[in-house]
Amino acid sequence: MTAPDPARARLAGLYEAFNARDVPTLLAAMTPDVTWPNGWQGGVLHGRAEVGDYWRRQWAELEPTVTPTGFAAEPDGRVAVTVHQVVRDSAGAELTNQTVTHVYRLVGGLVAEMEIRPHP
């Protein structure tokens, strides 16, 4: 099942903002009580402030680039985005080069929750 165009366009733009390190744009696209996985250190983050702090800490040490390669609607209404991610350390050495799936729950066009799944 294909993801709805507005959700697809919204999420594609957020990946562009992530790769540009545009924290204000990213946080404005989230609900105030967003739930977000800490894919770097483990655990779960709650709220825009925690997510913004997490990204700033992460980007001080790592250079992740995440490129969406596919969008699909989940049966429960969430949107699954297949992404190719490359993570480099601050010296430019490649640490990770993999495909994973990010699953989003949107509320009123804003990201309320994200989940990371291994790509099948």
PDB file of N, CA and C in Angstrom:
ATOM      1  N   MET A   1       0.845  -1.165   0.000  1.00  0.00           N
ATOM      2  CA  MET A   1       0.000   0.000   0.000  1.00  0.00           C
ATOM      3  C   MET A   1       0.902   1.244   0.000  1.00  0.00           C
ATOM      4  N   THR A   2       0.613   2.190  -0.842  1.00  0.00           N
ATOM      5  CA  THR A   2       1.413   3.395  -0.970  1.00  0.00           C
ATOM      6  C   THR A   2       1.027   4.416   0.097  1.00  0.00           C
ATOM      7  N   ALA A   3       2.025   5.129   0.605  1.00  0.00           N
ATOM      8  CA  ALA A   3       1.764   6.170   1.598  1.00  0.00           C
ATOM      9  C   ALA A   3       1.052   7.342   0.940  1.00  0.00           C
ATOM     10  N   PRO A   4       0.152   8.005   1.683  1.00  0.00           N
ATOM     11  CA  PRO A   4      -0.528   9.180   1.128  1.00  0.00           C
ATOM     12  C   PRO A   4       0.489  10.260   0.739  1.00  0.00           C
ATOM     13  N   ASP A   5       0.197  10.975  -0.350  1.00  0.00           N
ATOM     14  CA  ASP A   5       1.122  11.996  -0.851  1.00  0.00           C
ATOM     15  C   ASP A   5       1.492  13.054   0.187  1.00  0.00           C
ATOM     16  N   PRO A   6       0.533  13.613   0.967  1.00  0.00           N
ATOM     17  CA  PRO A   6       0.940  14.637   1.940  1.00  0.00           C
ATOM     18  C   PRO A   6       1.936  14.093   2.978  1.00  0.00           C
ATOM     19  N   ALA A   7       1.706  12.881   3.453  1.00  0.00           N
ATOM     20  CA  ALA A   7       2.620  12.285   4.438  1.00  0.00           C
ATOM     21  C   ALA A   7       3.977  12.030   3.803  1.00  0.00           C
ATOM     22  N   ARG A   8       3.966  11.525   2.598  1.00  0.00           N
ATOM     23  CA  ARG A   8       5.220  11.249   1.891  1.00  0.00           C
ATOM     24  C   ARG A   8       6.019  12.545   1.689  1.00  0.00           C
ATOM     25  N   ALA A   9       5.361  13.594   1.220  1.00  0.00           N
ATOM     26  CA  ALA A   9       6.031  14.869   0.988  1.00  0.00           C
ATOM     27  C   ALA A   9       6.567  15.448   2.295  1.00  0.00           C
ATOM     28  N   ARG A  10       5.762  15.368   3.344  1.00  0.00           N
ATOM     29  CA  ARG A  10       6.165  15.898   4.655  1.00  0.00           C
ATOM     30  C   ARG A  10       7.411  15.179   5.153  1.00  0.00           C
ATOM     31  N   LEU A  11       7.383  13.852   5.122  1.00  0.00           N
ATOM     32  CA  LEU A  11       8.509  13.078   5.638  1.00  0.00           C
ATOM     33  C   LEU A  11       9.760  13.233   4.776  1.00  0.00           C
ATOM     34  N   ALA A  12       9.602  13.279   3.460  1.00  0.00           N
ATOM     35  CA  ALA A  12      10.761  13.488   2.580  1.00  0.00           C
ATOM     36  C   ALA A  12      11.441  14.812   2.919  1.00  0.00           C
ATOM     37  N   GLY A  13      10.650  15.841   3.168  1.00  0.00           N
ATOM     38  CA  GLY A  13      11.206  17.134   3.546  1.00  0.00           C
ATOM     39  C   GLY A  13      11.931  17.090   4.875  1.00  0.00           C
ATOM     40  N   LEU A  14      11.454  16.259   5.781  1.00  0.00           N
ATOM     41  CA  LEU A  14      12.116  16.146   7.079  1.00  0.00           C
ATOM     42  C   LEU A  14      13.467  15.444   6.967  1.00  0.00           C
ATOM     43  N   TYR A  15      13.582  14.491   6.060  1.00  0.00           N
ATOM     44  CA  TYR A  15      14.899  13.874   5.847  1.00  0.00           C
ATOM     45  C   TYR A  15      15.881  14.897   5.275  1.00  0.00           C
ATOM     46  N   GLU A  16      15.392  15.759   4.400  1.00  0.00           N
ATOM     47  CA  GLU A  16      16.253  16.826   3.874  1.00  0.00           C
ATOM     48  C   GLU A  16      16.697  17.747   5.012  1.00  0.00           C
ATOM     49  N   ALA A  17      15.770  18.102   5.892  1.00  0.00           N
ATOM     50  CA  ALA A  17      16.098  18.962   7.029  1.00  0.00           C
ATOM     51  C   ALA A  17      17.083  18.269   7.969  1.00  0.00           C
ATOM     52  N   PHE A  18      16.905  16.967   8.192  1.00  0.00           N
ATOM     53  CA  PHE A  18      17.822  16.212   9.046  1.00  0.00           C
ATOM     54  C   PHE A  18      19.232  16.247   8.463  1.00  0.00           C
ATOM     55  N   ASN A  19      19.357  15.967   7.182  1.00  0.00           N
ATOM     56  CA  ASN A  19      20.672  15.944   6.551  1.00  0.00           C
ATOM     57  C   ASN A  19      21.311  17.330   6.508  1.00  0.00           C
ATOM     58  N   ALA A  20      20.488  18.380   6.569  1.00  0.00           N
ATOM     59  CA  ALA A  20      20.987  19.762   6.614  1.00  0.00           C
ATOM     60  C   ALA A  20      21.214  20.229   8.058  1.00  0.00           C
ATOM     61  N   ARG A  21      20.877  19.379   9.037  1.00  0.00           N
ATOM     62  CA  ARG A  21      21.011  19.689  10.465  1.00  0.00           C
ATOM     63  C   ARG A  21      20.138  20.876  10.868  1.00  0.00           C
ATOM     64  N   ASP A  22      18.954  20.946  10.290  1.00  0.00           N
ATOM     65  CA  ASP A  22      18.015  22.038  10.526  1.00  0.00           C
ATOM     66  C   ASP A  22      17.072  21.663  11.676  1.00  0.00           C
ATOM     67  N   VAL A  23      17.567  21.808  12.894  1.00  0.00           N
ATOM     68  CA  VAL A  23      16.807  21.407  14.076  1.00  0.00           C
ATOM     69  C   VAL A  23      15.488  22.162  14.209  1.00  0.00           C
ATOM     70  N   PRO A  24      15.431  23.484  14.026  1.00  0.00           N
ATOM     71  CA  PRO A  24      14.140  24.172  14.176  1.00  0.00           C
ATOM     72  C   PRO A  24      13.052  23.621  13.247  1.00  0.00           C
ATOM     73  N   THR A  25      13.392  23.342  11.996  1.00  0.00           N
ATOM     74  CA  THR A  25      12.403  22.786  11.063  1.00  0.00           C
ATOM     75  C   THR A  25      11.953  21.410  11.521  1.00  0.00           C
ATOM     76  N   LEU A  26      12.884  20.586  11.969  1.00  0.00           N
ATOM     77  CA  LEU A  26      12.548  19.242  12.419  1.00  0.00           C
ATOM     78  C   LEU A  26      11.631  19.272  13.631  1.00  0.00           C
ATOM     79  N   LEU A  27      11.976  20.070  14.621  1.00  0.00           N
ATOM     80  CA  LEU A  27      11.177  20.101  15.842  1.00  0.00           C
ATOM     81  C   LEU A  27       9.798  20.705  15.613  1.00  0.00           C
ATOM     82  N   ALA A  28       9.696  21.676  14.711  1.00  0.00           N
ATOM     83  CA  ALA A  28       8.397  22.273  14.406  1.00  0.00           C
ATOM     84  C   ALA A  28       7.453  21.271  13.747  1.00  0.00           C
ATOM     85  N   ALA A  29       8.005  20.204  13.175  1.00  0.00           N
ATOM     86  CA  ALA A  29       7.203  19.182  12.501  1.00  0.00           C
ATOM     87  C   ALA A  29       6.784  18.052  13.435  1.00  0.00           C
ATOM     88  N   MET A  30       7.054  18.214  14.739  1.00  0.00           N
ATOM     89  CA  MET A  30       6.733  17.177  15.727  1.00  0.00           C
ATOM     90  C   MET A  30       5.701  17.689  16.716  1.00  0.00           C
ATOM     91  N   THR A  31       4.924  16.771  17.248  1.00  0.00           N
ATOM     92  CA  THR A  31       4.018  17.134  18.330  1.00  0.00           C
ATOM     93  C   THR A  31       4.868  17.486  19.558  1.00  0.00           C
ATOM     94  N   PRO A  32       4.360  18.345  20.447  1.00  0.00           N
ATOM     95  CA  PRO A  32       5.146  18.705  21.635  1.00  0.00           C
ATOM     96  C   PRO A  32       5.555  17.498  22.475  1.00  0.00           C
ATOM     97  N   ASP A  33       4.727  16.453  22.476  1.00  0.00           N
ATOM     98  CA  ASP A  33       5.005  15.256  23.285  1.00  0.00           C
ATOM     99  C   ASP A  33       5.518  14.080  22.447  1.00  0.00           C
ATOM    100  N   VAL A  34       6.211  14.361  21.353  1.00  0.00           N
ATOM    101  CA  VAL A  34       6.720  13.341  20.455  1.00  0.00           C
ATOM    102  C   VAL A  34       7.483  12.255  21.220  1.00  0.00           C
ATOM    103  N   THR A  35       7.366  11.020  20.741  1.00  0.00           N
ATOM    104  CA  THR A  35       8.138   9.894  21.253  1.00  0.00           C
ATOM    105  C   THR A  35       9.103   9.493  20.153  1.00  0.00           C
ATOM    106  N   TRP A  36      10.414   9.435  20.490  1.00  0.00           N
ATOM    107  CA  TRP A  36      11.446   9.238  19.474  1.00  0.00           C
ATOM    108  C   TRP A  36      12.487   8.254  19.985  1.00  0.00           C
ATOM    109  N   PRO A  37      12.904   7.284  19.154  1.00  0.00           N
ATOM    110  CA  PRO A  37      13.916   6.336  19.600  1.00  0.00           C
ATOM    111  C   PRO A  37      15.314   6.964  19.610  1.00  0.00           C
ATOM    112  N   ASN A  38      16.098   6.602  20.595  1.00  0.00           N
ATOM    113  CA  ASN A  38      17.496   7.006  20.625  1.00  0.00           C
ATOM    114  C   ASN A  38      18.277   5.890  19.927  1.00  0.00           C
ATOM    115  N   GLY A  39      18.391   6.009  18.616  1.00  0.00           N
ATOM    116  CA  GLY A  39      19.055   4.991  17.820  1.00  0.00           C
ATOM    117  C   GLY A  39      20.550   4.945  18.021  1.00  0.00           C
ATOM    118  N   TRP A  40      21.089   5.947  18.647  1.00  0.00           N
ATOM    119  CA  TRP A  40      22.531   6.043  18.864  1.00  0.00           C
ATOM    120  C   TRP A  40      22.955   5.367  20.164  1.00  0.00           C
ATOM    121  N   GLN A  41      22.258   5.692  21.261  1.00  0.00           N
ATOM    122  CA  GLN A  41      22.668   5.197  22.575  1.00  0.00           C
ATOM    123  C   GLN A  41      21.651   4.258  23.212  1.00  0.00           C
ATOM    124  N   GLY A  42      20.488   4.109  22.586  1.00  0.00           N
ATOM    125  CA  GLY A  42      19.440   3.263  23.133  1.00  0.00           C
ATOM    126  C   GLY A  42      18.461   4.059  23.974  1.00  0.00           C
ATOM    127  N   GLY A  43      17.287   3.520  24.135  1.00  0.00           N
ATOM    128  CA  GLY A  43      16.264   4.168  24.936  1.00  0.00           C
ATOM    129  C   GLY A  43      15.288   4.948  24.069  1.00  0.00           C
ATOM    130  N   VAL A  44      14.450   5.709  24.745  1.00  0.00           N
ATOM    131  CA  VAL A  44      13.397   6.477  24.080  1.00  0.00           C
ATOM    132  C   VAL A  44      13.420   7.892  24.620  1.00  0.00           C
ATOM    133  N   LEU A  45      13.228   8.850  23.714  1.00  0.00           N
ATOM    134  CA  LEU A  45      13.183  10.262  24.066  1.00  0.00           C
ATOM    135  C   LEU A  45      11.737  10.731  24.029  1.00  0.00           C
ATOM    136  N   HIS A  46      11.418  11.710  24.888  1.00  0.00           N
ATOM    137  CA  HIS A  46      10.054  12.235  24.954  1.00  0.00           C
ATOM    138  C   HIS A  46      10.106  13.760  24.883  1.00  0.00           C
ATOM    139  N   GLY A  47       9.387  14.302  23.924  1.00  0.00           N
ATOM    140  CA  GLY A  47       9.273  15.745  23.799  1.00  0.00           C
ATOM    141  C   GLY A  47      10.320  16.347  22.883  1.00  0.00           C
ATOM    142  N   ARG A  48       9.955  17.496  22.344  1.00  0.00           N
ATOM    143  CA  ARG A  48      10.825  18.189  21.388  1.00  0.00           C
ATOM    144  C   ARG A  48      12.187  18.530  21.975  1.00  0.00           C
ATOM    145  N   ALA A  49      12.224  19.004  23.220  1.00  0.00           N
ATOM    146  CA  ALA A  49      13.499  19.421  23.817  1.00  0.00           C
ATOM    147  C   ALA A  49      14.469  18.251  23.898  1.00  0.00           C
ATOM    148  N   GLU A  50      14.005  17.097  24.342  1.00  0.00           N
ATOM    149  CA  GLU A  50      14.888  15.925  24.433  1.00  0.00           C
ATOM    150  C   GLU A  50      15.389  15.509  23.058  1.00  0.00           C
ATOM    151  N   VAL A  51      14.512  15.529  22.062  1.00  0.00           N
ATOM    152  CA  VAL A  51      14.917  15.129  20.708  1.00  0.00           C
ATOM    153  C   VAL A  51      15.943  16.118  20.153  1.00  0.00           C
ATOM    154  N   GLY A  52      15.712  17.401  20.318  1.00  0.00           N
ATOM    155  CA  GLY A  52      16.659  18.400  19.838  1.00  0.00           C
ATOM    156  C   GLY A  52      18.019  18.266  20.515  1.00  0.00           C
ATOM    157  N   ASP A  53      18.035  18.068  21.822  1.00  0.00           N
ATOM    158  CA  ASP A  53      19.295  17.883  22.545  1.00  0.00           C
ATOM    159  C   ASP A  53      20.023  16.631  22.056  1.00  0.00           C
ATOM    160  N   TYR A  54      19.273  15.578  21.839  1.00  0.00           N
ATOM    161  CA  TYR A  54      19.843  14.320  21.345  1.00  0.00           C
ATOM    162  C   TYR A  54      20.542  14.530  20.004  1.00  0.00           C
ATOM    163  N   TRP A  55      19.852  15.181  19.082  1.00  0.00           N
ATOM    164  CA  TRP A  55      20.464  15.392  17.766  1.00  0.00           C
ATOM    165  C   TRP A  55      21.710  16.258  17.866  1.00  0.00           C
ATOM    166  N   ARG A  56      21.671  17.296  18.657  1.00  0.00           N
ATOM    167  CA  ARG A  56      22.850  18.172  18.792  1.00  0.00           C
ATOM    168  C   ARG A  56      24.044  17.402  19.354  1.00  0.00           C
ATOM    169  N   ARG A  57      23.809  16.563  20.363  1.00  0.00           N
ATOM    170  CA  ARG A  57      24.888  15.731  20.922  1.00  0.00           C
ATOM    171  C   ARG A  57      25.405  14.749  19.874  1.00  0.00           C
ATOM    172  N   GLN A  58      24.470  14.103  19.175  1.00  0.00           N
ATOM    173  CA  GLN A  58      24.840  13.126  18.159  1.00  0.00           C
ATOM    174  C   GLN A  58      25.688  13.775  17.065  1.00  0.00           C
ATOM    175  N   TRP A  59      25.247  14.897  16.555  1.00  0.00           N
ATOM    176  CA  TRP A  59      25.934  15.557  15.444  1.00  0.00           C
ATOM    177  C   TRP A  59      27.278  16.147  15.863  1.00  0.00           C
ATOM    178  N   ALA A  60      27.509  16.324  17.150  1.00  0.00           N
ATOM    179  CA  ALA A  60      28.821  16.781  17.619  1.00  0.00           C
ATOM    180  C   ALA A  60      29.855  15.661  17.479  1.00  0.00           C
ATOM    181  N   GLU A  61      29.377  14.408  17.413  1.00  0.00           N
ATOM    182  CA  GLU A  61      30.284  13.262  17.346  1.00  0.00           C
ATOM    183  C   GLU A  61      30.174  12.454  16.059  1.00  0.00           C
ATOM    184  N   LEU A  62      29.023  12.496  15.427  1.00  0.00           N
ATOM    185  CA  LEU A  62      28.771  11.658  14.255  1.00  0.00           C
ATOM    186  C   LEU A  62      28.238  12.491  13.098  1.00  0.00           C
ATOM    187  N   GLU A  63      28.403  11.953  11.890  1.00  0.00           N
ATOM    188  CA  GLU A  63      27.879  12.581  10.676  1.00  0.00           C
ATOM    189  C   GLU A  63      26.942  11.586   9.975  1.00  0.00           C
ATOM    190  N   PRO A  64      25.689  11.505  10.428  1.00  0.00           N
ATOM    191  CA  PRO A  64      24.749  10.610   9.759  1.00  0.00           C
ATOM    192  C   PRO A  64      24.105  11.268   8.541  1.00  0.00           C
ATOM    193  N   THR A  65      23.926  10.494   7.500  1.00  0.00           N
ATOM    194  CA  THR A  65      23.160  10.913   6.331  1.00  0.00           C
ATOM    195  C   THR A  65      22.108   9.851   6.091  1.00  0.00           C
ATOM    196  N   VAL A  66      20.853  10.260   6.017  1.00  0.00           N
ATOM    197  CA  VAL A  66      19.746   9.320   5.884  1.00  0.00           C
ATOM    198  C   VAL A  66      18.929   9.705   4.651  1.00  0.00           C
ATOM    199  N   THR A  67      18.808   8.747   3.717  1.00  0.00           N
ATOM    200  CA  THR A  67      18.130   9.009   2.452  1.00  0.00           C
ATOM    201  C   THR A  67      16.940   8.068   2.292  1.00  0.00           C
ATOM    202  N   PRO A  68      15.723   8.608   2.188  1.00  0.00           N
ATOM    203  CA  PRO A  68      14.566   7.734   1.986  1.00  0.00           C
ATOM    204  C   PRO A  68      14.591   7.107   0.594  1.00  0.00           C
ATOM    205  N   THR A  69      14.251   5.816   0.540  1.00  0.00           N
ATOM    206  CA  THR A  69      14.220   5.101  -0.740  1.00  0.00           C
ATOM    207  C   THR A  69      12.853   4.509  -1.039  1.00  0.00           C
ATOM    208  N   GLY A  70      11.933   4.540  -0.070  1.00  0.00           N
ATOM    209  CA  GLY A  70      10.591   4.011  -0.297  1.00  0.00           C
ATOM    210  C   GLY A  70       9.651   4.399   0.826  1.00  0.00           C
ATOM    211  N   PHE A  71       8.380   4.545   0.492  1.00  0.00           N
ATOM    212  CA  PHE A  71       7.340   4.927   1.446  1.00  0.00           C
ATOM    213  C   PHE A  71       6.180   3.949   1.302  1.00  0.00           C
ATOM    214  N   ALA A  72       5.616   3.523   2.425  1.00  0.00           N
ATOM    215  CA  ALA A  72       4.459   2.627   2.377  1.00  0.00           C
ATOM    216  C   ALA A  72       3.541   2.912   3.556  1.00  0.00           C
ATOM    217  N   ALA A  73       2.251   2.722   3.352  1.00  0.00           N
ATOM    218  CA  ALA A  73       1.281   2.864   4.426  1.00  0.00           C
ATOM    219  C   ALA A  73       1.198   1.545   5.186  1.00  0.00           C
ATOM    220  N   GLU A  74       1.180   1.633   6.500  1.00  0.00           N
ATOM    221  CA  GLU A  74       0.988   0.467   7.360  1.00  0.00           C
ATOM    222  C   GLU A  74      -0.519   0.262   7.541  1.00  0.00           C
ATOM    223  N   PRO A  75      -0.945  -0.957   7.854  1.00  0.00           N
ATOM    224  CA  PRO A  75      -2.384  -1.200   8.052  1.00  0.00           C
ATOM    225  C   PRO A  75      -3.009  -0.323   9.147  1.00  0.00           C
ATOM    226  N   ASP A  76      -2.206   0.080  10.148  1.00  0.00           N
ATOM    227  CA  ASP A  76      -2.740   0.895  11.240  1.00  0.00           C
ATOM    228  C   ASP A  76      -2.677   2.398  10.957  1.00  0.00           C
ATOM    229  N   GLY A  77      -2.297   2.774   9.727  1.00  0.00           N
ATOM    230  CA  GLY A  77      -2.262   4.177   9.353  1.00  0.00           C
ATOM    231  C   GLY A  77      -0.902   4.840   9.476  1.00  0.00           C
ATOM    232  N   ARG A  78       0.042   4.149  10.108  1.00  0.00           N
ATOM    233  CA  ARG A  78       1.383   4.723  10.183  1.00  0.00           C
ATOM    234  C   ARG A  78       2.056   4.656   8.812  1.00  0.00           C
ATOM    235  N   VAL A  79       3.143   5.400   8.662  1.00  0.00           N
ATOM    236  CA  VAL A  79       3.876   5.431   7.404  1.00  0.00           C
ATOM    237  C   VAL A  79       5.252   4.819   7.631  1.00  0.00           C
ATOM    238  N   ALA A  80       5.589   3.803   6.831  1.00  0.00           N
ATOM    239  CA  ALA A  80       6.899   3.154   6.900  1.00  0.00           C
ATOM    240  C   ALA A  80       7.775   3.728   5.795  1.00  0.00           C
ATOM    241  N   VAL A  81       8.961   4.173   6.186  1.00  0.00           N
ATOM    242  CA  VAL A  81       9.907   4.750   5.236  1.00  0.00           C
ATOM    243  C   VAL A  81      11.163   3.895   5.227  1.00  0.00           C
ATOM    244  N   THR A  82      11.466   3.316   4.082  1.00  0.00           N
ATOM    245  CA  THR A  82      12.723   2.587   3.930  1.00  0.00           C
ATOM    246  C   THR A  82      13.799   3.632   3.700  1.00  0.00           C
ATOM    247  N   VAL A  83      14.892   3.549   4.469  1.00  0.00           N
ATOM    248  CA  VAL A  83      15.959   4.540   4.353  1.00  0.00           C
ATOM    249  C   VAL A  83      17.313   3.866   4.237  1.00  0.00           C
ATOM    250  N   HIS A  84      18.198   4.503   3.510  1.00  0.00           N
ATOM    251  CA  HIS A  84      19.600   4.103   3.460  1.00  0.00           C
ATOM    252  C   HIS A  84      20.341   5.089   4.350  1.00  0.00           C
ATOM    253  N   GLN A  85      21.044   4.568   5.345  1.00  0.00           N
ATOM    254  CA  GLN A  85      21.761   5.460   6.244  1.00  0.00           C
ATOM    255  C   GLN A  85      23.246   5.122   6.267  1.00  0.00           C
ATOM    256  N   VAL A  86      24.015   6.190   6.202  1.00  0.00           N
ATOM    257  CA  VAL A  86      25.468   6.088   6.311  1.00  0.00           C
ATOM    258  C   VAL A  86      25.869   6.967   7.486  1.00  0.00           C
ATOM    259  N   VAL A  87      26.603   6.386   8.421  1.00  0.00           N
ATOM    260  CA  VAL A  87      27.053   7.129   9.587  1.00  0.00           C
ATOM    261  C   VAL A  87      28.576   7.125   9.589  1.00  0.00           C
ATOM    262  N   ARG A  88      29.140   8.317   9.695  1.00  0.00           N
ATOM    263  CA  ARG A  88      30.592   8.480   9.754  1.00  0.00           C
ATOM    264  C   ARG A  88      30.970   9.124  11.084  1.00  0.00           C
ATOM    265  N   ASP A  89      32.192   8.836  11.539  1.00  0.00           N
ATOM    266  CA  ASP A  89      32.669   9.522  12.731  1.00  0.00           C
ATOM    267  C   ASP A  89      33.155  10.911  12.339  1.00  0.00           C
ATOM    268  N   SER A  90      33.586  11.694  13.320  1.00  0.00           N
ATOM    269  CA  SER A  90      33.981  13.078  13.052  1.00  0.00           C
ATOM    270  C   SER A  90      35.205  13.184  12.145  1.00  0.00           C
ATOM    271  N   ALA A  91      35.968  12.095  12.019  1.00  0.00           N
ATOM    272  CA  ALA A  91      37.133  12.082  11.124  1.00  0.00           C
ATOM    273  C   ALA A  91      36.759  11.630   9.710  1.00  0.00           C
ATOM    274  N   GLY A  92      35.496  11.216   9.521  1.00  0.00           N
ATOM    275  CA  GLY A  92      35.030  10.798   8.202  1.00  0.00           C
ATOM    276  C   GLY A  92      35.050   9.301   7.954  1.00  0.00           C
ATOM    277  N   ALA A  93      35.476   8.515   8.938  1.00  0.00           N
ATOM    278  CA  ALA A  93      35.487   7.057   8.776  1.00  0.00           C
ATOM    279  C   ALA A  93      34.059   6.512   8.845  1.00  0.00           C
ATOM    280  N   GLU A  94      33.734   5.629   7.924  1.00  0.00           N
ATOM    281  CA  GLU A  94      32.392   5.045   7.884  1.00  0.00           C
ATOM    282  C   GLU A  94      32.208   4.049   9.023  1.00  0.00           C
ATOM    283  N   LEU A  95      31.159   4.264   9.810  1.00  0.00           N
ATOM    284  CA  LEU A  95      30.833   3.383  10.928  1.00  0.00           C
ATOM    285  C   LEU A  95      29.695   2.438  10.579  1.00  0.00           C
ATOM    286  N   THR A  96      28.719   2.939   9.831  1.00  0.00           N
ATOM    287  CA  THR A  96      27.541   2.161   9.465  1.00  0.00           C
ATOM    288  C   THR A  96      27.107   2.544   8.062  1.00  0.00           C
ATOM    289  N   ASN A  97      26.706   1.520   7.302  1.00  0.00           N
ATOM    290  CA  ASN A  97      26.148   1.730   5.970  1.00  0.00           C
ATOM    291  C   ASN A  97      25.083   0.658   5.819  1.00  0.00           C
ATOM    292  N   GLN A  98      23.826   1.035   6.018  1.00  0.00           N
ATOM    293  CA  GLN A  98      22.768   0.027   6.060  1.00  0.00           C
ATOM    294  C   GLN A  98      21.421   0.594   5.643  1.00  0.00           C
ATOM    295  N   THR A  99      20.497  -0.296   5.404  1.00  0.00           N
ATOM    296  CA  THR A  99      19.113   0.052   5.126  1.00  0.00           C
ATOM    297  C   THR A  99      18.278  -0.365   6.322  1.00  0.00           C
ATOM    298  N   VAL A 100      17.435   0.545   6.795  1.00  0.00           N
ATOM    299  CA  VAL A 100      16.516   0.266   7.895  1.00  0.00           C
ATOM    300  C   VAL A 100      15.151   0.847   7.528  1.00  0.00           C
ATOM    301  N   THR A 101      14.170   0.587   8.377  1.00  0.00           N
ATOM    302  CA  THR A 101      12.829   1.127   8.168  1.00  0.00           C
ATOM    303  C   THR A 101      12.466   2.011   9.346  1.00  0.00           C
ATOM    304  N   HIS A 102      12.046   3.224   9.047  1.00  0.00           N
ATOM    305  CA  HIS A 102      11.526   4.149  10.054  1.00  0.00           C
ATOM    306  C   HIS A 102      10.006   4.165   9.911  1.00  0.00           C
ATOM    307  N   VAL A 103       9.306   3.990  11.008  1.00  0.00           N
ATOM    308  CA  VAL A 103       7.844   3.964  10.981  1.00  0.00           C
ATOM    309  C   VAL A 103       7.324   5.141  11.808  1.00  0.00           C
ATOM    310  N   TYR A 104       6.489   5.960  11.162  1.00  0.00           N
ATOM    311  CA  TYR A 104       5.992   7.194  11.770  1.00  0.00           C
ATOM    312  C   TYR A 104       4.493   7.133  12.016  1.00  0.00           C
ATOM    313  N   ARG A 105       4.107   7.684  13.168  1.00  0.00           N
ATOM    314  CA  ARG A 105       2.695   7.951  13.438  1.00  0.00           C
ATOM    315  C   ARG A 105       2.543   9.460  13.380  1.00  0.00           C
ATOM    316  N   LEU A 106       1.658   9.905  12.514  1.00  0.00           N
ATOM    317  CA  LEU A 106       1.407  11.337  12.344  1.00  0.00           C
ATOM    318  C   LEU A 106       0.067  11.695  12.985  1.00  0.00           C
ATOM    319  N   VAL A 107       0.022  12.858  13.607  1.00  0.00           N
ATOM    320  CA  VAL A 107      -1.204  13.380  14.195  1.00  0.00           C
ATOM    321  C   VAL A 107      -1.342  14.816  13.715  1.00  0.00           C
ATOM    322  N   GLY A 108      -2.387  15.079  12.966  1.00  0.00           N
ATOM    323  CA  GLY A 108      -2.595  16.422  12.444  1.00  0.00           C
ATOM    324  C   GLY A 108      -1.438  16.897  11.568  1.00  0.00           C
ATOM    325  N   GLY A 109      -0.810  15.959  10.872  1.00  0.00           N
ATOM    326  CA  GLY A 109       0.306  16.295   9.998  1.00  0.00           C
ATOM    327  C   GLY A 109       1.643  16.413  10.704  1.00  0.00           C
ATOM    328  N   LEU A 110       1.662  16.241  12.030  1.00  0.00           N
ATOM    329  CA  LEU A 110       2.907  16.312  12.796  1.00  0.00           C
ATOM    330  C   LEU A 110       3.343  14.919  13.220  1.00  0.00           C
ATOM    331  N   VAL A 111       4.643  14.736  13.353  1.00  0.00           N
ATOM    332  CA  VAL A 111       5.181  13.453  13.809  1.00  0.00           C
ATOM    333  C   VAL A 111       4.930  13.326  15.309  1.00  0.00           C
ATOM    334  N   ALA A 112       4.216  12.275  15.691  1.00  0.00           N
ATOM    335  CA  ALA A 112       3.930  12.010  17.096  1.00  0.00           C
ATOM    336  C   ALA A 112       4.814  10.891  17.645  1.00  0.00           C
ATOM    337  N   GLU A 113       5.291  10.027  16.740  1.00  0.00           N
ATOM    338  CA  GLU A 113       6.069   8.874  17.186  1.00  0.00           C
ATOM    339  C   GLU A 113       6.865   8.318  16.011  1.00  0.00           C
ATOM    340  N   MET A 114       8.068   7.831  16.320  1.00  0.00           N
ATOM    341  CA  MET A 114       8.887   7.161  15.305  1.00  0.00           C
ATOM    342  C   MET A 114       9.454   5.889  15.915  1.00  0.00           C
ATOM    343  N   GLU A 115       9.529   4.872  15.084  1.00  0.00           N
ATOM    344  CA  GLU A 115      10.065   3.567  15.475  1.00  0.00           C
ATOM    345  C   GLU A 115      11.111   3.174  14.425  1.00  0.00           C
ATOM    346  N   ILE A 116      12.192   2.540  14.857  1.00  0.00           N
ATOM    347  CA  ILE A 116      13.198   2.025  13.932  1.00  0.00           C
ATOM    348  C   ILE A 116      13.077   0.512  13.895  1.00  0.00           C
ATOM    349  N   ARG A 117      12.989  -0.028  12.681  1.00  0.00           N
ATOM    350  CA  ARG A 117      12.921  -1.486  12.482  1.00  0.00           C
ATOM    351  C   ARG A 117      14.064  -1.922  11.573  1.00  0.00           C
ATOM    352  N   PRO A 118      14.568  -3.134  11.774  1.00  0.00           N
ATOM    353  CA  PRO A 118      15.509  -3.655  10.791  1.00  0.00           C
ATOM    354  C   PRO A 118      14.781  -3.810   9.450  1.00  0.00           C
ATOM    355  N   HIS A 119      15.483  -3.600   8.381  1.00  0.00           N
ATOM    356  CA  HIS A 119      14.866  -3.757   7.072  1.00  0.00           C
ATOM    357  C   HIS A 119      14.808  -5.243   6.733  1.00  0.00           C
ATOM    358  N   PRO A 120      13.639  -5.694   6.273  1.00  0.00           N
ATOM    359  CA  PRO A 120      13.519  -7.140   5.980  1.00  0.00           C
ATOM    360  C   PRO A 120      14.432  -7.589   4.850  1.00  0.00           C
TER     361      PRO A 120
END
